[in-house]
C-alpha atoms as a PDB file:
ATOM      1  CA  MET A   1      -0.022  -0.002   0.022  1.00  0.00           C
ATOM      2  CA  GLY A   2       1.584   3.299  -1.123  1.00  0.00           C
ATOM      3  CA  ILE A   3       0.928   6.593   0.584  1.00  0.00           C
ATOM      4  CA  LYS A   4      -1.522   8.737  -1.297  1.00  0.00           C
ATOM      5  CA  PHE A   5      -1.899  12.330  -0.276  1.00  0.00           C
ATOM      6  CA  PRO A   6      -5.214  14.187  -0.211  1.00  0.00           C
ATOM      7  CA  SER A   7      -3.978  16.292  -3.136  1.00  0.00           C
ATOM      8  CA  ASP A   8      -3.513  13.052  -5.189  1.00  0.00           C
ATOM      9  CA  ILE A   9      -7.095  12.152  -4.611  1.00  0.00           C
ATOM     10  CA  ALA A  10      -8.332  15.611  -5.597  1.00  0.00           C
ATOM     11  CA  SER A  11      -6.339  15.525  -8.830  1.00  0.00           C
ATOM     12  CA  THR A  12      -7.556  12.118  -9.937  1.00  0.00           C
ATOM     13  CA  SER A  13     -11.207  12.320  -8.880  1.00  0.00           C
ATOM     14  CA  THR A  14     -14.035  14.320 -10.185  1.00  0.00           C
ATOM     15  CA  SER A  15     -15.510  14.756  -6.684  1.00  0.00           C
ATOM     16  CA  VAL A  16     -13.951  14.392  -3.266  1.00  0.00           C
ATOM     17  CA  THR A  17     -16.168  14.419  -0.140  1.00  0.00           C
ATOM     18  CA  VAL A  18     -14.422  15.277   3.140  1.00  0.00           C
ATOM     19  CA  LEU A  19     -16.078  13.327   6.025  1.00  0.00           C
ATOM     20  CA  HIS A  20     -13.801  14.406   8.854  1.00  0.00           C
ATOM     21  CA  LEU A  21     -10.775  16.543   9.610  1.00  0.00           C
ATOM     22  CA  ASP A  22      -9.063  16.544  12.980  1.00  0.00           C
ATOM     23  CA  ASP A  23      -5.661  17.940  14.186  1.00  0.00           C
ATOM     24  CA  ALA A  24      -5.838  17.151  17.916  1.00  0.00           C
ATOM     25  CA  GLN A  25      -2.805  15.330  19.279  1.00  0.00           C
ATOM     26  CA  PHE A  26      -3.126  12.214  21.332  1.00  0.00           C
ATOM     27  CA  SER A  27      -0.559   9.818  22.928  1.00  0.00           C
ATOM     28  CA  THR A  28      -0.433   6.588  24.856  1.00  0.00           C
ATOM     29  CA  THR A  29       1.962   4.129  26.410  1.00  0.00           C
ATOM     30  CA  ALA A  30      -0.529   1.296  26.170  1.00  0.00           C
ATOM     31  CA  THR A  31       0.590  -1.797  24.338  1.00  0.00           C
ATOM     32  CA  THR A  32      -2.983  -2.721  23.406  1.00  0.00           C
ATOM     33  CA  ALA A  33      -5.211  -0.691  21.144  1.00  0.00           C
ATOM     34  CA  THR A  34      -6.550   2.386  22.960  1.00  0.00           C
ATOM     35  CA  LEU A  35      -9.499   4.338  21.415  1.00  0.00           C
ATOM     36  CA  GLU A  36      -8.291   7.901  20.810  1.00  0.00           C
ATOM     37  CA  LYS A  37     -10.491   9.364  18.059  1.00  0.00           C
ATOM     38  CA  THR A  38     -14.076   8.799  17.011  1.00  0.00           C
ATOM     39  CA  PHE A  39     -16.706  10.442  14.829  1.00  0.00           C
ATOM     40  CA  ARG A  40     -20.134   9.466  13.496  1.00  0.00           C
ATOM     41  CA  PHE A  41     -21.466   9.808   9.920  1.00  0.00           C
ATOM     42  CA  VAL A  42     -24.651   8.977   8.102  1.00  0.00           C
ATOM     43  CA  GLN A  43     -25.070   6.288   5.453  1.00  0.00           C
ATOM     44  CA  SER A  44     -28.082   6.816   3.263  1.00  0.00           C
ATOM     45  CA  SER A  45     -29.343   5.372  -0.024  1.00  0.00           C
ATOM     46  CA  THR A  46     -29.614   8.870  -1.511  1.00  0.00           C
ATOM     47  CA  ASN A  47     -25.914   9.691  -0.764  1.00  0.00           C
ATOM     48  CA  PRO A  48     -24.279   6.310  -0.198  1.00  0.00           C
ATOM     49  CA  VAL A  49     -20.705   6.073   1.128  1.00  0.00           C
ATOM     50  CA  SER A  50     -19.051   2.808  -0.235  1.00  0.00           C
ATOM     51  CA  SER A  51     -15.563   3.229   1.125  1.00  0.00           C
ATOM     52  CA  LEU A  52     -13.276   5.686   2.883  1.00  0.00           C
ATOM     53  CA  ASN A  53      -9.653   6.786   2.341  1.00  0.00           C
ATOM     54  CA  VAL A  54      -8.009   7.580   5.781  1.00  0.00           C
ATOM     55  CA  TYR A  55      -4.848   9.595   6.241  1.00  0.00           C
ATOM     56  CA  VAL A  56      -3.369   9.818   9.639  1.00  0.00           C
ATOM     57  CA  SER A  57      -0.048  11.033  11.129  1.00  0.00           C
ATOM     58  CA  ALA A  58       1.785   8.937  13.747  1.00  0.00           C
ATOM     59  CA  TRP A  59       5.204   8.651  15.380  1.00  0.00           C
ATOM     60  CA  ASN A  60       6.898   7.193  18.355  1.00  0.00           C
ATOM     61  CA  ALA A  61       8.956   8.750  21.133  1.00  0.00           C
ATOM     62  CA  SER A  62      11.873   6.436  20.499  1.00  0.00           C
ATOM     63  CA  SER A  63      13.313   4.311  17.643  1.00  0.00           C
ATOM     64  CA  GLY A  64      13.018   1.330  20.061  1.00  0.00           C
ATOM     65  CA  ALA A  65       9.265   1.029  19.441  1.00  0.00           C
ATOM     66  CA  THR A  66       6.578   0.832  16.814  1.00  0.00           C
ATOM     67  CA  THR A  67       3.358   2.849  16.680  1.00  0.00           C
ATOM     68  CA  THR A  68       0.256   1.075  15.490  1.00  0.00           C
ATOM     69  CA  ILE A  69      -2.888   2.911  14.259  1.00  0.00           C
ATOM     70  CA  SER A  70      -6.078   0.739  13.968  1.00  0.00           C
ATOM     71  CA  VAL A  71      -9.236   1.961  12.426  1.00  0.00           C
ATOM     72  CA  ASN A  72     -12.758   0.394  12.072  1.00  0.00           C
ATOM     73  CA  ILE A  73     -16.334   1.246  11.502  1.00  0.00           C
ATOM     74  CA  ASP A  74     -18.944   0.262  14.084  1.00  0.00           C
ATOM     75  CA  GLY A  75     -16.365  -1.833  15.918  1.00  0.00           C
ATOM     76  CA  GLY A  76     -15.876  -4.138  12.886  1.00  0.00           C
ATOM     77  CA  THR A  77     -12.659  -5.499  11.473  1.00  0.00           C
ATOM     78  CA  ASN A  78      -9.575  -3.418  12.058  1.00  0.00           C
ATOM     79  CA  SER A  79      -7.384  -2.050   9.376  1.00  0.00           C
ATOM     80  CA  THR A  80      -3.985  -1.193  10.669  1.00  0.00           C
ATOM     81  CA  VAL A  81      -0.898   0.709   9.721  1.00  0.00           C
ATOM     82  CA  GLN A  82       2.429   1.040  11.592  1.00  0.00           C
ATOM     83  CA  THR A  83       5.494   3.249  11.847  1.00  0.00           C
ATOM     84  CA  SER A  84       8.739   3.163  13.732  1.00  0.00           C
ATOM     85  CA  SER A  85       9.527   6.798  12.877  1.00  0.00           C
ATOM     86  CA  THR A  86      10.378   9.328  15.554  1.00  0.00           C
ATOM     87  CA  THR A  87       9.073  12.161  13.524  1.00  0.00           C
ATOM     88  CA  GLU A  88       5.463  12.798  12.437  1.00  0.00           C
ATOM     89  CA  THR A  89       4.822  10.474   9.434  1.00  0.00           C
ATOM     90  CA  LEU A  90       1.754  10.325   7.177  1.00  0.00           C
ATOM     91  CA  LEU A  91       0.094   6.932   6.928  1.00  0.00           C
ATOM     92  CA  SER A  92      -2.805   5.869   4.718  1.00  0.00           C
ATOM     93  CA  ILE A  93      -5.501   3.307   4.705  1.00  0.00           C
ATOM     94  CA  THR A  94      -7.390   3.311   1.350  1.00  0.00           C
ATOM     95  CA  ASN A  95     -10.738   1.744   0.453  1.00  0.00           C
ATOM     96  CA  LEU A  96     -11.873   1.083   4.047  1.00  0.00           C
ATOM     97  CA  THR A  97     -15.276  -0.623   3.506  1.00  0.00           C
ATOM     98  CA  VAL A  98     -18.361   1.102   4.913  1.00  0.00           C
ATOM     99  CA  PRO A  99     -21.472  -0.965   6.011  1.00  0.00           C
ATOM    100  CA  SER A 100     -24.280  -0.449   3.478  1.00  0.00           C
ATOM    101  CA  THR A 101     -26.920  -0.234   6.231  1.00  0.00           C
ATOM    102  CA  ASN A 102     -28.695   3.103   6.222  1.00  0.00           C
ATOM    103  CA  GLY A 103     -28.288   5.033   9.524  1.00  0.00           C
ATOM    104  CA  ILE A 104     -25.643   6.388  11.775  1.00  0.00           C
ATOM    105  CA  HIS A 105     -22.197   4.686  11.728  1.00  0.00           C
ATOM    106  CA  THR A 106     -19.140   5.267  14.000  1.00  0.00           C
ATOM    107  CA  PHE A 107     -15.572   5.538  12.806  1.00  0.00           C
ATOM    108  CA  ASN A 108     -12.978   4.577  15.489  1.00  0.00           C
ATOM    109  CA  LEU A 109      -9.285   5.131  15.580  1.00  0.00           C
ATOM    110  CA  SER A 110      -7.109   3.330  18.134  1.00  0.00           C
ATOM    111  CA  LEU A 111      -3.446   3.845  18.956  1.00  0.00           C
ATOM    112  CA  ASN A 112      -0.844   1.768  20.747  1.00  0.00           C
ATOM    113  CA  THR A 113       2.907   1.320  21.111  1.00  0.00           C
ATOM    114  CA  SER A 114       5.069  -1.776  20.960  1.00  0.00           C
ATOM    115  CA  ASN A 115       7.084  -0.748  24.063  1.00  0.00           C
ATOM    116  CA  VAL A 116       5.410   0.602  27.218  1.00  0.00           C
ATOM    117  CA  SER A 117       8.511   2.719  27.873  1.00  0.00           C
ATOM    118  CA  TYR A 118       7.930   4.865  24.770  1.00  0.00           C
ATOM    119  CA  SER A 119       4.829   6.884  23.931  1.00  0.00           C
ATOM    120  CA  ALA A 120       3.074   6.488  20.707  1.00  0.00           C
ATOM    121  CA  TYR A 121       1.496   9.589  19.101  1.00  0.00           C
ATOM    122  CA  THR A 122      -1.098  10.472  16.584  1.00  0.00           C
ATOM    123  CA  GLN A 123      -2.292  13.903  15.405  1.00  0.00           C
ATOM    124  CA  LEU A 124      -3.571  14.671  11.937  1.00  0.00           C
ATOM    125  CA  LEU A 125      -6.664  12.663  10.802  1.00  0.00           C
ATOM    126  CA  GLU A 126      -8.283  13.247   7.417  1.00  0.00           C
ATOM    127  CA  VAL A 127     -11.127  11.045   6.106  1.00  0.00           C
ATOM    128  CA  TYR A 128     -12.430  11.239   2.615  1.00  0.00           C
ATOM    129  CA  GLN A 129     -15.277   9.372   0.859  1.00  0.00           C
ATOM    130  CA  SER A 130     -13.781   7.405  -1.947  1.00  0.00           C
END
């Protein structure tokens, strides 16, 4: 999976719908997934959302650890990305499947580190309808 930037999507698509933008920083020393960011969105037959492209920044306090970002919708199957970078790094998850059921759905982002001695961080989150 290669990194695609939001500008790449805008230049290759006729229409891009932003579902969520967030720039709040969170950190954890937990070695199991810890819910850090969540938002809700509507799925409707008149404006269906089939999949999402997720862009998130992450890093770790030390090169001796790995930061893992997990995302899911409605508590379903996690899609994960990782980095061992000690500087803010952009990660992407493309084509995250959205349930087709009409109604309100919840997007969840969890964060953890591989080493309890080093904090994992996340900040930028951008979610686009694909």
